[in-house]
PDB file of N, CA and C in Angstrom:
ATOM      1  N   UNK A   1       0.858  -1.163   0.000  1.00  0.00           N
ATOM      2  CA  UNK A   1       0.000   0.000   0.000  1.00  0.00           C
ATOM      3  C   UNK A   1       0.898   1.217   0.000  1.00  0.00           C
ATOM      4  N   UNK A   2       0.585   2.221  -0.775  1.00  0.00           N
ATOM      5  CA  UNK A   2       1.366   3.452  -0.716  1.00  0.00           C
ATOM      6  C   UNK A   2       1.331   4.018   0.692  1.00  0.00           C
ATOM      7  N   UNK A   3       2.279   4.858   0.976  1.00  0.00           N
ATOM      8  CA  UNK A   3       2.384   5.455   2.296  1.00  0.00           C
ATOM      9  C   UNK A   3       1.098   6.194   2.661  1.00  0.00           C
ATOM     10  N   UNK A   4       0.671   6.049   3.912  1.00  0.00           N
ATOM     11  CA  UNK A   4      -0.538   6.718   4.386  1.00  0.00           C
ATOM     12  C   UNK A   4      -0.383   8.226   4.262  1.00  0.00           C
ATOM     13  N   UNK A   5      -1.518   8.907   4.038  1.00  0.00           N
ATOM     14  CA  UNK A   5      -1.505  10.365   3.995  1.00  0.00           C
ATOM     15  C   UNK A   5      -0.936  10.905   5.302  1.00  0.00           C
ATOM     16  N   UNK A   6      -1.404  10.322   6.417  1.00  0.00           N
ATOM     17  CA  UNK A   6      -0.845  10.652   7.729  1.00  0.00           C
ATOM     18  C   UNK A   6      -1.319   9.620   8.740  1.00  0.00           C
ATOM     19  N   UNK A   7      -0.489   9.393   9.737  1.00  0.00           N
ATOM     20  CA  UNK A   7      -0.858   8.516  10.846  1.00  0.00           C
ATOM     21  C   UNK A   7      -1.205   9.418  12.015  1.00  0.00           C
ATOM     22  N   UNK A   8      -2.409   9.239  12.555  1.00  0.00           N
ATOM     23  CA  UNK A   8      -2.861  10.093  13.639  1.00  0.00           C
ATOM     24  C   UNK A   8      -2.398   9.594  14.998  1.00  0.00           C
ATOM     25  N   UNK A   9      -2.569   8.315  15.250  1.00  0.00           N
ATOM     26  CA  UNK A   9      -2.207   7.766  16.553  1.00  0.00           C
ATOM     27  C   UNK A   9      -1.937   6.280  16.382  1.00  0.00           C
ATOM     28  N   UNK A  10      -1.040   5.788  17.182  1.00  0.00           N
ATOM     29  CA  UNK A  10      -0.748   4.361  17.177  1.00  0.00           C
ATOM     30  C   UNK A  10      -0.564   3.945  18.624  1.00  0.00           C
ATOM     31  N   UNK A  11      -1.174   2.840  19.017  1.00  0.00           N
ATOM     32  CA  UNK A  11      -1.028   2.382  20.390  1.00  0.00           C
ATOM     33  C   UNK A  11      -1.111   0.864  20.461  1.00  0.00           C
ATOM     34  N   UNK A  12      -0.708   0.341  21.614  1.00  0.00           N
ATOM     35  CA  UNK A  12      -0.676  -1.094  21.849  1.00  0.00           C
ATOM     36  C   UNK A  12      -1.700  -1.428  22.927  1.00  0.00           C
ATOM     37  N   UNK A  13      -2.426  -2.528  22.731  1.00  0.00           N
ATOM     38  CA  UNK A  13      -3.355  -2.966  23.764  1.00  0.00           C
ATOM     39  C   UNK A  13      -3.443  -4.481  23.766  1.00  0.00           C
ATOM     40  N   UNK A  14      -4.356  -5.019  24.523  1.00  0.00           N
ATOM     41  CA  UNK A  14      -4.569  -6.450  24.695  1.00  0.00           C
ATOM     42  C   UNK A  14      -3.273  -7.143  25.104  1.00  0.00           C
ATOM     43  N   UNK A  15      -2.738  -6.724  26.239  1.00  0.00           N
ATOM     44  CA  UNK A  15      -1.527  -7.324  26.818  1.00  0.00           C
ATOM     45  C   UNK A  15      -0.315  -7.215  25.890  1.00  0.00           C
ATOM     46  N   UNK A  16      -0.312  -6.213  25.031  1.00  0.00           N
ATOM     47  CA  UNK A  16       0.844  -5.947  24.191  1.00  0.00           C
ATOM     48  C   UNK A  16       0.960  -6.775  22.932  1.00  0.00           C
ATOM     49  N   UNK A  17      -0.086  -7.560  22.596  1.00  0.00           N
ATOM     50  CA  UNK A  17       0.023  -8.375  21.388  1.00  0.00           C
ATOM     51  C   UNK A  17      -0.751  -7.824  20.205  1.00  0.00           C
ATOM     52  N   UNK A  18      -1.538  -6.781  20.408  1.00  0.00           N
ATOM     53  CA  UNK A  18      -2.313  -6.183  19.320  1.00  0.00           C
ATOM     54  C   UNK A  18      -2.026  -4.689  19.264  1.00  0.00           C
ATOM     55  N   UNK A  19      -1.555  -4.224  18.120  1.00  0.00           N
ATOM     56  CA  UNK A  19      -1.258  -2.804  17.918  1.00  0.00           C
ATOM     57  C   UNK A  19      -2.319  -2.211  17.001  1.00  0.00           C
ATOM     58  N   UNK A  20      -2.720  -1.000  17.297  1.00  0.00           N
ATOM     59  CA  UNK A  20      -3.754  -0.318  16.525  1.00  0.00           C
ATOM     60  C   UNK A  20      -3.183   1.005  16.027  1.00  0.00           C
ATOM     61  N   UNK A  21      -3.419   1.299  14.759  1.00  0.00           N
ATOM     62  CA  UNK A  21      -3.015   2.583  14.199  1.00  0.00           C
ATOM     63  C   UNK A  21      -4.211   3.205  13.506  1.00  0.00           C
ATOM     64  N   UNK A  22      -4.399   4.495  13.703  1.00  0.00           N
ATOM     65  CA  UNK A  22      -5.426   5.243  12.994  1.00  0.00           C
ATOM     66  C   UNK A  22      -4.708   6.094  11.965  1.00  0.00           C
ATOM     67  N   UNK A  23      -5.152   5.993  10.716  1.00  0.00           N
ATOM     68  CA  UNK A  23      -4.458   6.691   9.652  1.00  0.00           C
ATOM     69  C   UNK A  23      -5.440   7.184   8.605  1.00  0.00           C
ATOM     70  N   UNK A  24      -4.954   8.054   7.739  1.00  0.00           N
ATOM     71  CA  UNK A  24      -5.752   8.520   6.603  1.00  0.00           C
ATOM     72  C   UNK A  24      -5.081   8.027   5.340  1.00  0.00           C
ATOM     73  N   UNK A  25      -5.883   7.502   4.431  1.00  0.00           N
ATOM     74  CA  UNK A  25      -5.386   7.026   3.149  1.00  0.00           C
ATOM     75  C   UNK A  25      -6.414   7.416   2.098  1.00  0.00           C
ATOM     76  N   UNK A  26      -5.982   8.125   1.080  1.00  0.00           N
ATOM     77  CA  UNK A  26      -6.902   8.583   0.043  1.00  0.00           C
ATOM     78  C   UNK A  26      -7.983   9.495   0.591  1.00  0.00           C
ATOM     79  N   UNK A  27      -7.653  10.233   1.657  1.00  0.00           N
ATOM     80  CA  UNK A  27      -8.615  11.155   2.242  1.00  0.00           C
ATOM     81  C   UNK A  27      -9.652  10.500   3.137  1.00  0.00           C
ATOM     82  N   UNK A  28      -9.508   9.200   3.422  1.00  0.00           N
ATOM     83  CA  UNK A  28     -10.453   8.470   4.265  1.00  0.00           C
ATOM     84  C   UNK A  28      -9.715   7.975   5.504  1.00  0.00           C
ATOM     85  N   UNK A  29     -10.324   8.138   6.670  1.00  0.00           N
ATOM     86  CA  UNK A  29      -9.726   7.698   7.930  1.00  0.00           C
ATOM     87  C   UNK A  29     -10.012   6.221   8.157  1.00  0.00           C
ATOM     88  N   UNK A  30      -8.965   5.474   8.504  1.00  0.00           N
ATOM     89  CA  UNK A  30      -9.063   4.045   8.791  1.00  0.00           C
ATOM     90  C   UNK A  30      -8.358   3.750  10.102  1.00  0.00           C
ATOM     91  N   UNK A  31      -8.730   2.636  10.717  1.00  0.00           N
ATOM     92  CA  UNK A  31      -7.981   2.062  11.828  1.00  0.00           C
ATOM     93  C   UNK A  31      -7.546   0.677  11.388  1.00  0.00           C
ATOM     94  N   UNK A  32      -6.340   0.292  11.778  1.00  0.00           N
ATOM     95  CA  UNK A  32      -5.854  -1.042  11.461  1.00  0.00           C
ATOM     96  C   UNK A  32      -5.472  -1.751  12.753  1.00  0.00           C
ATOM     97  N   UNK A  33      -5.714  -3.042  12.805  1.00  0.00           N
ATOM     98  CA  UNK A  33      -5.234  -3.898  13.883  1.00  0.00           C
ATOM     99  C   UNK A  33      -4.127  -4.745  13.306  1.00  0.00           C
ATOM    100  N   UNK A  34      -3.021  -4.849  14.036  1.00  0.00           N
ATOM    101  CA  UNK A  34      -1.947  -5.725  13.574  1.00  0.00           C
ATOM    102  C   UNK A  34      -1.319  -6.421  14.767  1.00  0.00           C
ATOM    103  N   UNK A  35      -0.730  -7.557  14.506  1.00  0.00           N
ATOM    104  CA  UNK A  35       0.007  -8.288  15.524  1.00  0.00           C
ATOM    105  C   UNK A  35       1.287  -7.521  15.819  1.00  0.00           C
ATOM    106  N   UNK A  36       1.496  -7.132  17.062  1.00  0.00           N
ATOM    107  CA  UNK A  36       2.632  -6.274  17.401  1.00  0.00           C
ATOM    108  C   UNK A  36       3.978  -6.913  17.075  1.00  0.00           C
ATOM    109  N   UNK A  37       4.134  -8.166  17.404  1.00  0.00           N
ATOM    110  CA  UNK A  37       5.434  -8.812  17.226  1.00  0.00           C
ATOM    111  C   UNK A  37       5.784  -9.062  15.762  1.00  0.00           C
ATOM    112  N   UNK A  38       4.792  -9.381  14.945  1.00  0.00           N
ATOM    113  CA  UNK A  38       5.066  -9.716  13.540  1.00  0.00           C
ATOM    114  C   UNK A  38       4.776  -8.574  12.580  1.00  0.00           C
ATOM    115  N   UNK A  39       3.923  -7.626  12.993  1.00  0.00           N
ATOM    116  CA  UNK A  39       3.537  -6.522  12.118  1.00  0.00           C
ATOM    117  C   UNK A  39       2.484  -6.912  11.096  1.00  0.00           C
ATOM    118  N   UNK A  40       1.947  -8.128  11.191  1.00  0.00           N
ATOM    119  CA  UNK A  40       0.949  -8.580  10.230  1.00  0.00           C
ATOM    120  C   UNK A  40      -0.368  -7.855  10.484  1.00  0.00           C
ATOM    121  N   UNK A  41      -0.889  -7.200   9.446  1.00  0.00           N
ATOM    122  CA  UNK A  41      -2.151  -6.484   9.550  1.00  0.00           C
ATOM    123  C   UNK A  41      -3.288  -7.503   9.530  1.00  0.00           C
ATOM    124  N   UNK A  42      -4.144  -7.437  10.549  1.00  0.00           N
ATOM    125  CA  UNK A  42      -5.220  -8.412  10.700  1.00  0.00           C
ATOM    126  C   UNK A  42      -6.557  -7.894  10.191  1.00  0.00           C
ATOM    127  N   UNK A  43      -6.820  -6.608  10.417  1.00  0.00           N
ATOM    128  CA  UNK A  43      -8.097  -6.055   9.970  1.00  0.00           C
ATOM    129  C   UNK A  43      -7.994  -4.554   9.770  1.00  0.00           C
ATOM    130  N   UNK A  44      -8.951  -4.057   9.001  1.00  0.00           N
ATOM    131  CA  UNK A  44      -9.074  -2.630   8.709  1.00  0.00           C
ATOM    132  C   UNK A  44     -10.516  -2.252   8.991  1.00  0.00           C
ATOM    133  N   UNK A  45     -10.741  -1.085   9.580  1.00  0.00           N
ATOM    134  CA  UNK A  45     -12.107  -0.622   9.808  1.00  0.00           C
ATOM    135  C   UNK A  45     -12.198   0.876   9.591  1.00  0.00           C
ATOM    136  N   UNK A  46     -13.413   1.341   9.336  1.00  0.00           N
ATOM    137  CA  UNK A  46     -13.632   2.773   9.140  1.00  0.00           C
ATOM    138  C   UNK A  46     -15.064   3.147   9.488  1.00  0.00           C
ATOM    139  N   UNK A  47     -15.207   4.355   9.989  1.00  0.00           N
ATOM    140  CA  UNK A  47     -16.535   4.947  10.165  1.00  0.00           C
ATOM    141  C   UNK A  47     -16.573   6.302   9.444  1.00  0.00           C
ATOM    142  N   UNK A  48     -15.641   6.483   8.517  1.00  0.00           N
ATOM    143  CA  UNK A  48     -15.533   7.725   7.759  1.00  0.00           C
ATOM    144  C   UNK A  48     -16.721   7.837   6.792  1.00  0.00           C
ATOM    145  N   UNK A  49     -17.430   8.969   6.816  1.00  0.00           N
ATOM    146  CA  UNK A  49     -18.598   9.134   5.945  1.00  0.00           C
ATOM    147  C   UNK A  49     -18.261   9.166   4.450  1.00  0.00           C
ATOM    148  N   UNK A  50     -16.986   9.347   4.089  1.00  0.00           N
ATOM    149  CA  UNK A  50     -16.592   9.376   2.681  1.00  0.00           C
ATOM    150  C   UNK A  50     -16.323   7.982   2.121  1.00  0.00           C
ATOM    151  N   UNK A  51     -16.196   6.992   2.994  1.00  0.00           N
ATOM    152  CA  UNK A  51     -15.919   5.632   2.554  1.00  0.00           C
ATOM    153  C   UNK A  51     -17.144   5.002   1.905  1.00  0.00           C
ATOM    154  N   UNK A  52     -16.912   4.264   0.835  1.00  0.00           N
ATOM    155  CA  UNK A  52     -17.970   3.495   0.165  1.00  0.00           C
ATOM    156  C   UNK A  52     -17.463   2.077  -0.040  1.00  0.00           C
ATOM    157  N   UNK A  53     -18.299   1.094   0.230  1.00  0.00           N
ATOM    158  CA  UNK A  53     -17.944  -0.287  -0.066  1.00  0.00           C
ATOM    159  C   UNK A  53     -18.077  -0.498  -1.573  1.00  0.00           C
ATOM    160  N   UNK A  54     -17.565  -1.600  -2.105  1.00  0.00           N
ATOM    161  CA  UNK A  54     -17.770  -1.879  -3.532  1.00  0.00           C
ATOM    162  C   UNK A  54     -19.253  -1.972  -3.894  1.00  0.00           C
ATOM    163  N   UNK A  55     -20.089  -2.279  -2.910  1.00  0.00           N
ATOM    164  CA  UNK A  55     -21.532  -2.340  -3.145  1.00  0.00           C
ATOM    165  C   UNK A  55     -22.175  -0.956  -3.155  1.00  0.00           C
ATOM    166  N   UNK A  56     -21.371   0.087  -2.864  1.00  0.00           N
ATOM    167  CA  UNK A  56     -21.886   1.454  -2.863  1.00  0.00           C
ATOM    168  C   UNK A  56     -22.480   1.892  -1.533  1.00  0.00           C
ATOM    169  N   UNK A  57     -22.264   1.108  -0.471  1.00  0.00           N
ATOM    170  CA  UNK A  57     -22.837   1.437   0.837  1.00  0.00           C
ATOM    171  C   UNK A  57     -21.893   2.319   1.632  1.00  0.00           C
ATOM    172  N   UNK A  58     -22.466   3.101   2.531  1.00  0.00           N
ATOM    173  CA  UNK A  58     -21.683   4.017   3.361  1.00  0.00           C
ATOM    174  C   UNK A  58     -22.208   3.969   4.790  1.00  0.00           C
ATOM    175  N   UNK A  59     -21.464   4.586   5.701  1.00  0.00           N
ATOM    176  CA  UNK A  59     -21.935   4.730   7.077  1.00  0.00           C
ATOM    177  C   UNK A  59     -23.267   5.476   7.042  1.00  0.00           C
ATOM    178  N   UNK A  60     -24.238   4.982   7.780  1.00  0.00           N
ATOM    179  CA  UNK A  60     -25.573   5.569   7.779  1.00  0.00           C
ATOM    180  C   UNK A  60     -26.555   4.776   6.936  1.00  0.00           C
ATOM    181  N   UNK A  61     -26.039   3.819   6.146  1.00  0.00           N
ATOM    182  CA  UNK A  61     -26.918   2.983   5.325  1.00  0.00           C
ATOM    183  C   UNK A  61     -27.819   2.143   6.222  1.00  0.00           C
ATOM    184  N   UNK A  62     -28.957   1.759   5.704  1.00  0.00           N
ATOM    185  CA  UNK A  62     -29.865   0.898   6.466  1.00  0.00           C
ATOM    186  C   UNK A  62     -29.438  -0.559   6.329  1.00  0.00           C
ATOM    187  N   UNK A  63     -29.830  -1.359   7.296  1.00  0.00           N
ATOM    188  CA  UNK A  63     -29.557  -2.788   7.229  1.00  0.00           C
ATOM    189  C   UNK A  63     -30.250  -3.389   6.014  1.00  0.00           C
ATOM    190  N   UNK A  64     -31.450  -2.920   5.722  1.00  0.00           N
ATOM    191  CA  UNK A  64     -32.171  -3.466   4.563  1.00  0.00           C
ATOM    192  C   UNK A  64     -31.425  -3.186   3.260  1.00  0.00           C
ATOM    193  N   UNK A  65     -30.757  -2.030   3.143  1.00  0.00           N
ATOM    194  CA  UNK A  65     -29.995  -1.753   1.921  1.00  0.00           C
ATOM    195  C   UNK A  65     -28.770  -2.668   1.829  1.00  0.00           C
ATOM    196  N   UNK A  66     -28.199  -3.040   2.970  1.00  0.00           N
ATOM    197  CA  UNK A  66     -27.079  -3.996   2.982  1.00  0.00           C
ATOM    198  C   UNK A  66     -27.556  -5.369   2.530  1.00  0.00           C
ATOM    199  N   UNK A  67     -28.734  -5.770   2.992  1.00  0.00           N
ATOM    200  CA  UNK A  67     -29.296  -7.063   2.586  1.00  0.00           C
ATOM    201  C   UNK A  67     -29.663  -7.042   1.105  1.00  0.00           C
ATOM    202  N   UNK A  68     -30.219  -5.917   0.642  1.00  0.00           N
ATOM    203  CA  UNK A  68     -30.565  -5.782  -0.781  1.00  0.00           C
ATOM    204  C   UNK A  68     -29.323  -5.869  -1.675  1.00  0.00           C
ATOM    205  N   UNK A  69     -28.167  -5.486  -1.127  1.00  0.00           N
ATOM    206  CA  UNK A  69     -26.916  -5.522  -1.887  1.00  0.00           C
ATOM    207  C   UNK A  69     -26.282  -6.915  -1.861  1.00  0.00           C
ATOM    208  N   UNK A  70     -26.990  -7.883  -1.288  1.00  0.00           N
ATOM    209  CA  UNK A  70     -26.474  -9.251  -1.255  1.00  0.00           C
ATOM    210  C   UNK A  70     -25.834  -9.640   0.054  1.00  0.00           C
ATOM    211  N   UNK A  71     -25.937  -8.777   1.066  1.00  0.00           N
ATOM    212  CA  UNK A  71     -25.358  -9.061   2.371  1.00  0.00           C
ATOM    213  C   UNK A  71     -26.097 -10.173   3.097  1.00  0.00           C
ATOM    214  N   UNK A  72     -25.401 -10.764   4.059  1.00  0.00           N
ATOM    215  CA  UNK A  72     -25.960 -11.847   4.864  1.00  0.00           C
ATOM    216  C   UNK A  72     -25.952 -11.419   6.319  1.00  0.00           C
ATOM    217  N   UNK A  73     -27.123 -11.483   6.947  1.00  0.00           N
ATOM    218  CA  UNK A  73     -27.256 -11.147   8.362  1.00  0.00           C
ATOM    219  C   UNK A  73     -26.631 -12.257   9.188  1.00  0.00           C
ATOM    220  N   UNK A  74     -25.748 -11.905  10.128  1.00  0.00           N
ATOM    221  CA  UNK A  74     -25.123 -12.906  10.991  1.00  0.00           C
ATOM    222  C   UNK A  74     -25.685 -12.797  12.401  1.00  0.00           C
ATOM    223  N   UNK A  75     -25.335 -13.752  13.261  1.00  0.00           N
ATOM    224  CA  UNK A  75     -25.963 -13.841  14.577  1.00  0.00           C
ATOM    225  C   UNK A  75     -25.722 -12.636  15.480  1.00  0.00           C
ATOM    226  N   UNK A  76     -24.716 -11.816  15.208  1.00  0.00           N
ATOM    227  CA  UNK A  76     -24.473 -10.610  15.999  1.00  0.00           C
ATOM    228  C   UNK A  76     -25.425  -9.481  15.613  1.00  0.00           C
ATOM    229  N   UNK A  77     -26.149  -9.664  14.490  1.00  0.00           N
ATOM    230  CA  UNK A  77     -27.014  -8.615  13.972  1.00  0.00           C
ATOM    231  C   UNK A  77     -26.336  -7.767  12.918  1.00  0.00           C
ATOM    232  N   UNK A  78     -25.044  -7.998  12.710  1.00  0.00           N
ATOM    233  CA  UNK A  78     -24.302  -7.284  11.680  1.00  0.00           C
ATOM    234  C   UNK A  78     -24.515  -7.975  10.335  1.00  0.00           C
ATOM    235  N   UNK A  79     -24.035  -7.343   9.264  1.00  0.00           N
ATOM    236  CA  UNK A  79     -24.245  -7.866   7.912  1.00  0.00           C
ATOM    237  C   UNK A  79     -22.901  -8.031   7.213  1.00  0.00           C
ATOM    238  N   UNK A  80     -22.644  -9.233   6.699  1.00  0.00           N
ATOM    239  CA  UNK A  80     -21.434  -9.476   5.913  1.00  0.00           C
ATOM    240  C   UNK A  80     -21.787  -9.275   4.442  1.00  0.00           C
ATOM    241  N   UNK A  81     -21.059  -8.370   3.793  1.00  0.00           N
ATOM    242  CA  UNK A  81     -21.323  -8.011   2.399  1.00  0.00           C
ATOM    243  C   UNK A  81     -20.558  -8.923   1.446  1.00  0.00           C
ATOM    244  N   UNK A  82     -20.995  -9.027   0.185  1.00  0.00           N
ATOM    245  CA  UNK A  82     -20.290  -9.866  -0.791  1.00  0.00           C
ATOM    246  C   UNK A  82     -18.811  -9.504  -0.940  1.00  0.00           C
ATOM    247  N   UNK A  83     -18.455  -8.256  -0.730  1.00  0.00           N
ATOM    248  CA  UNK A  83     -17.060  -7.806  -0.858  1.00  0.00           C
ATOM    249  C   UNK A  83     -16.187  -8.245   0.307  1.00  0.00           C
ATOM    250  N   UNK A  84     -16.797  -8.790   1.363  1.00  0.00           N
ATOM    251  CA  UNK A  84     -16.032  -9.194   2.535  1.00  0.00           C
ATOM    252  C   UNK A  84     -16.076  -8.175   3.665  1.00  0.00           C
ATOM    253  N   UNK A  85     -16.535  -6.969   3.381  1.00  0.00           N
ATOM    254  CA  UNK A  85     -16.685  -5.971   4.435  1.00  0.00           C
ATOM    255  C   UNK A  85     -17.851  -6.371   5.325  1.00  0.00           C
ATOM    256  N   UNK A  86     -17.677  -6.192   6.644  1.00  0.00           N
ATOM    257  CA  UNK A  86     -18.766  -6.427   7.579  1.00  0.00           C
ATOM    258  C   UNK A  86     -19.346  -5.073   7.976  1.00  0.00           C
ATOM    259  N   UNK A  87     -20.640  -4.926   7.778  1.00  0.00           N
ATOM    260  CA  UNK A  87     -21.338  -3.695   8.150  1.00  0.00           C
ATOM    261  C   UNK A  87     -21.840  -3.862   9.578  1.00  0.00           C
ATOM    262  N   UNK A  88     -21.318  -3.034  10.479  1.00  0.00           N
ATOM    263  CA  UNK A  88     -21.686  -3.129  11.891  1.00  0.00           C
ATOM    264  C   UNK A  88     -22.898  -2.249  12.177  1.00  0.00           C
ATOM    265  N   UNK A  89     -23.903  -2.846  12.792  1.00  0.00           N
ATOM    266  CA  UNK A  89     -25.129  -2.122  13.125  1.00  0.00           C
ATOM    267  C   UNK A  89     -24.887  -1.271  14.370  1.00  0.00           C
ATOM    268  N   UNK A  90     -25.363  -0.035  14.323  1.00  0.00           N
ATOM    269  CA  UNK A  90     -25.195   0.888  15.444  1.00  0.00           C
ATOM    270  C   UNK A  90     -25.923   0.368  16.679  1.00  0.00           C
ATOM    271  N   UNK A  91     -25.302   0.504  17.850  1.00  0.00           N
ATOM    272  CA  UNK A  91     -25.982   0.094  19.079  1.00  0.00           C
ATOM    273  C   UNK A  91     -27.241   0.934  19.298  1.00  0.00           C
ATOM    274  N   UNK A  92     -28.217   0.350  19.929  1.00  0.00           N
ATOM    275  CA  UNK A  92     -29.467   1.037  20.286  1.00  0.00           C
ATOM    276  C   UNK A  92     -30.216   1.591  19.077  1.00  0.00           C
ATOM    277  N   UNK A  93     -30.134   0.897  17.938  1.00  0.00           N
ATOM    278  CA  UNK A  93     -30.865   1.367  16.762  1.00  0.00           C
ATOM    279  C   UNK A  93     -31.854   0.294  16.296  1.00  0.00           C
ATOM    280  N   UNK A  94     -32.417  -0.426  17.264  1.00  0.00           N
ATOM    281  CA  UNK A  94     -33.287  -1.560  16.940  1.00  0.00           C
ATOM    282  C   UNK A  94     -34.483  -1.170  16.071  1.00  0.00           C
ATOM    283  N   UNK A  95     -35.102  -0.035  16.348  1.00  0.00           N
ATOM    284  CA  UNK A  95     -36.293   0.342  15.579  1.00  0.00           C
ATOM    285  C   UNK A  95     -35.964   0.697  14.136  1.00  0.00           C
ATOM    286  N   UNK A  96     -34.861   1.378  13.931  1.00  0.00           N
ATOM    287  CA  UNK A  96     -34.424   1.766  12.586  1.00  0.00           C
ATOM    288  C   UNK A  96     -32.932   1.486  12.480  1.00  0.00           C
ATOM    289  N   UNK A  97     -32.567   0.195  12.348  1.00  0.00           N
ATOM    290  CA  UNK A  97     -31.133  -0.149  12.360  1.00  0.00           C
ATOM    291  C   UNK A  97     -30.356   0.497  11.214  1.00  0.00           C
ATOM    292  N   UNK A  98     -29.192   1.035  11.541  1.00  0.00           N
ATOM    293  CA  UNK A  98     -28.337   1.668  10.554  1.00  0.00           C
ATOM    294  C   UNK A  98     -26.893   1.253  10.807  1.00  0.00           C
ATOM    295  N   UNK A  99     -26.061   1.437   9.815  1.00  0.00           N
ATOM    296  CA  UNK A  99     -24.672   1.007   9.868  1.00  0.00           C
ATOM    297  C   UNK A  99     -23.796   2.126  10.434  1.00  0.00           C
ATOM    298  N   UNK A 100     -22.998   1.784  11.456  1.00  0.00           N
ATOM    299  CA  UNK A 100     -22.138   2.796  12.081  1.00  0.00           C
ATOM    300  C   UNK A 100     -20.680   2.678  11.651  1.00  0.00           C
ATOM    301  N   UNK A 101     -20.265   1.513  11.132  1.00  0.00           N
ATOM    302  CA  UNK A 101     -18.893   1.366  10.644  1.00  0.00           C
ATOM    303  C   UNK A 101     -18.775   0.099   9.820  1.00  0.00           C
ATOM    304  N   UNK A 102     -17.652   0.001   9.102  1.00  0.00           N
ATOM    305  CA  UNK A 102     -17.349  -1.172   8.289  1.00  0.00           C
ATOM    306  C   UNK A 102     -16.015  -1.746   8.738  1.00  0.00           C
ATOM    307  N   UNK A 103     -15.899  -3.066   8.733  1.00  0.00           N
ATOM    308  CA  UNK A 103     -14.665  -3.735   9.116  1.00  0.00           C
ATOM    309  C   UNK A 103     -14.393  -4.876   8.146  1.00  0.00           C
ATOM    310  N   UNK A 104     -13.105  -5.107   7.878  1.00  0.00           N
ATOM    311  CA  UNK A 104     -12.745  -6.192   6.976  1.00  0.00           C
ATOM    312  C   UNK A 104     -11.458  -6.857   7.446  1.00  0.00           C
ATOM    313  N   UNK A 105     -11.479  -8.169   7.503  1.00  0.00           N
ATOM    314  CA  UNK A 105     -10.246  -8.911   7.743  1.00  0.00           C
ATOM    315  C   UNK A 105      -9.385  -8.773   6.504  1.00  0.00           C
ATOM    316  N   UNK A 106      -8.095  -8.671   6.713  1.00  0.00           N
ATOM    317  CA  UNK A 106      -7.180  -8.474   5.589  1.00  0.00           C
ATOM    318  C   UNK A 106      -6.690  -9.836   5.104  1.00  0.00           C
ATOM    319  N   UNK A 107      -6.994 -10.200   3.857  1.00  0.00           N
ATOM    320  CA  UNK A 107      -6.530 -11.479   3.325  1.00  0.00           C
ATOM    321  C   UNK A 107      -5.017 -11.472   3.093  1.00  0.00           C
ATOM    322  N   UNK A 108      -4.414 -12.634   3.149  1.00  0.00           N
ATOM    323  CA  UNK A 108      -2.969 -12.754   2.941  1.00  0.00           C
ATOM    324  C   UNK A 108      -2.534 -12.149   1.609  1.00  0.00           C
ATOM    325  N   UNK A 109      -3.404 -12.198   0.603  1.00  0.00           N
ATOM    326  CA  UNK A 109      -3.052 -11.659  -0.719  1.00  0.00           C
ATOM    327  C   UNK A 109      -2.868 -10.139  -0.704  1.00  0.00           C
ATOM    328  N   UNK A 110      -3.356  -9.469   0.330  1.00  0.00           N
ATOM    329  CA  UNK A 110      -3.208  -8.014   0.440  1.00  0.00           C
ATOM    330  C   UNK A 110      -2.041  -7.616   1.344  1.00  0.00           C
ATOM    331  N   UNK A 111      -1.225  -8.612   1.762  1.00  0.00           N
ATOM    332  CA  UNK A 111      -0.084  -8.349   2.640  1.00  0.00           C
ATOM    333  C   UNK A 111       1.202  -8.813   1.985  1.00  0.00           C
ATOM    334  N   UNK A 112       2.282  -8.112   2.271  1.00  0.00           N
ATOM    335  CA  UNK A 112       3.600  -8.537   1.829  1.00  0.00           C
ATOM    336  C   UNK A 112       3.962  -9.800   2.610  1.00  0.00           C
ATOM    337  N   UNK A 113       4.365 -10.859   1.918  1.00  0.00           N
ATOM    338  CA  UNK A 113       4.640 -12.145   2.557  1.00  0.00           C
ATOM    339  C   UNK A 113       5.766 -12.053   3.587  1.00  0.00           C
ATOM    340  N   UNK A 114       6.761 -11.226   3.339  1.00  0.00           N
ATOM    341  CA  UNK A 114       7.905 -11.138   4.240  1.00  0.00           C
ATOM    342  C   UNK A 114       7.648 -10.258   5.456  1.00  0.00           C
ATOM    343  N   UNK A 115       6.962  -9.123   5.254  1.00  0.00           N
ATOM    344  CA  UNK A 115       6.802  -8.159   6.348  1.00  0.00           C
ATOM    345  C   UNK A 115       5.425  -8.154   6.980  1.00  0.00           C
ATOM    346  N   UNK A 116       4.401  -8.642   6.268  1.00  0.00           N
ATOM    347  CA  UNK A 116       3.039  -8.593   6.787  1.00  0.00           C
ATOM    348  C   UNK A 116       2.373  -7.256   6.581  1.00  0.00           C
ATOM    349  N   UNK A 117       3.084  -6.308   6.013  1.00  0.00           N
ATOM    350  CA  UNK A 117       2.514  -4.972   5.794  1.00  0.00           C
ATOM    351  C   UNK A 117       1.525  -4.992   4.636  1.00  0.00           C
ATOM    352  N   UNK A 118       0.565  -4.064   4.692  1.00  0.00           N
ATOM    353  CA  UNK A 118      -0.412  -3.961   3.611  1.00  0.00           C
ATOM    354  C   UNK A 118       0.264  -3.596   2.298  1.00  0.00           C
ATOM    355  N   UNK A 119      -0.107  -4.287   1.247  1.00  0.00           N
ATOM    356  CA  UNK A 119       0.364  -3.923  -0.087  1.00  0.00           C
ATOM    357  C   UNK A 119      -0.730  -3.172  -0.835  1.00  0.00           C
ATOM    358  N   UNK A 120      -1.967  -3.356  -0.400  1.00  0.00           N
ATOM    359  CA  UNK A 120      -3.074  -2.609  -0.970  1.00  0.00           C
ATOM    360  C   UNK A 120      -4.211  -2.606   0.041  1.00  0.00           C
ATOM    361  N   UNK A 121      -5.081  -1.668  -0.088  1.00  0.00           N
ATOM    362  CA  UNK A 121      -6.264  -1.583   0.759  1.00  0.00           C
ATOM    363  C   UNK A 121      -7.438  -1.990  -0.095  1.00  0.00           C
ATOM    364  N   UNK A 122      -7.823  -3.244   0.050  1.00  0.00           N
ATOM    365  CA  UNK A 122      -8.899  -3.787  -0.777  1.00  0.00           C
ATOM    366  C   UNK A 122     -10.216  -3.153  -0.397  1.00  0.00           C
ATOM    367  N   UNK A 123     -10.916  -2.688  -1.381  1.00  0.00           N
ATOM    368  CA  UNK A 123     -12.235  -2.116  -1.131  1.00  0.00           C
ATOM    369  C   UNK A 123     -13.278  -3.115  -1.305  1.00  0.00           C
TER     370      UNK A 123
END
């Protein structure tokens, strides 16, 4: 992946084995989780209103629009989209459920085999 526009904050949590960085790439804010010791990026998430999934969904979308786009409702109440992005339903929005953020596990094909660093940010 090309160098991030800027890194806002980076910190370590979960007993020092999971590192989190918040960064901007292409004008969109993302957070990444990576294994601290290996540097392997495990997941990417965003709640940036400028982000769009390949299905054309954004933060604020309804759960029904995620399902209409081919998403599958899972037992947590969230929706897994055909692109692999998981649309997280906002807490306390039972009457009119809406999406508050998107998260995606990073496949090995999107990481450098030697370093574990992102080679691209799959949309």
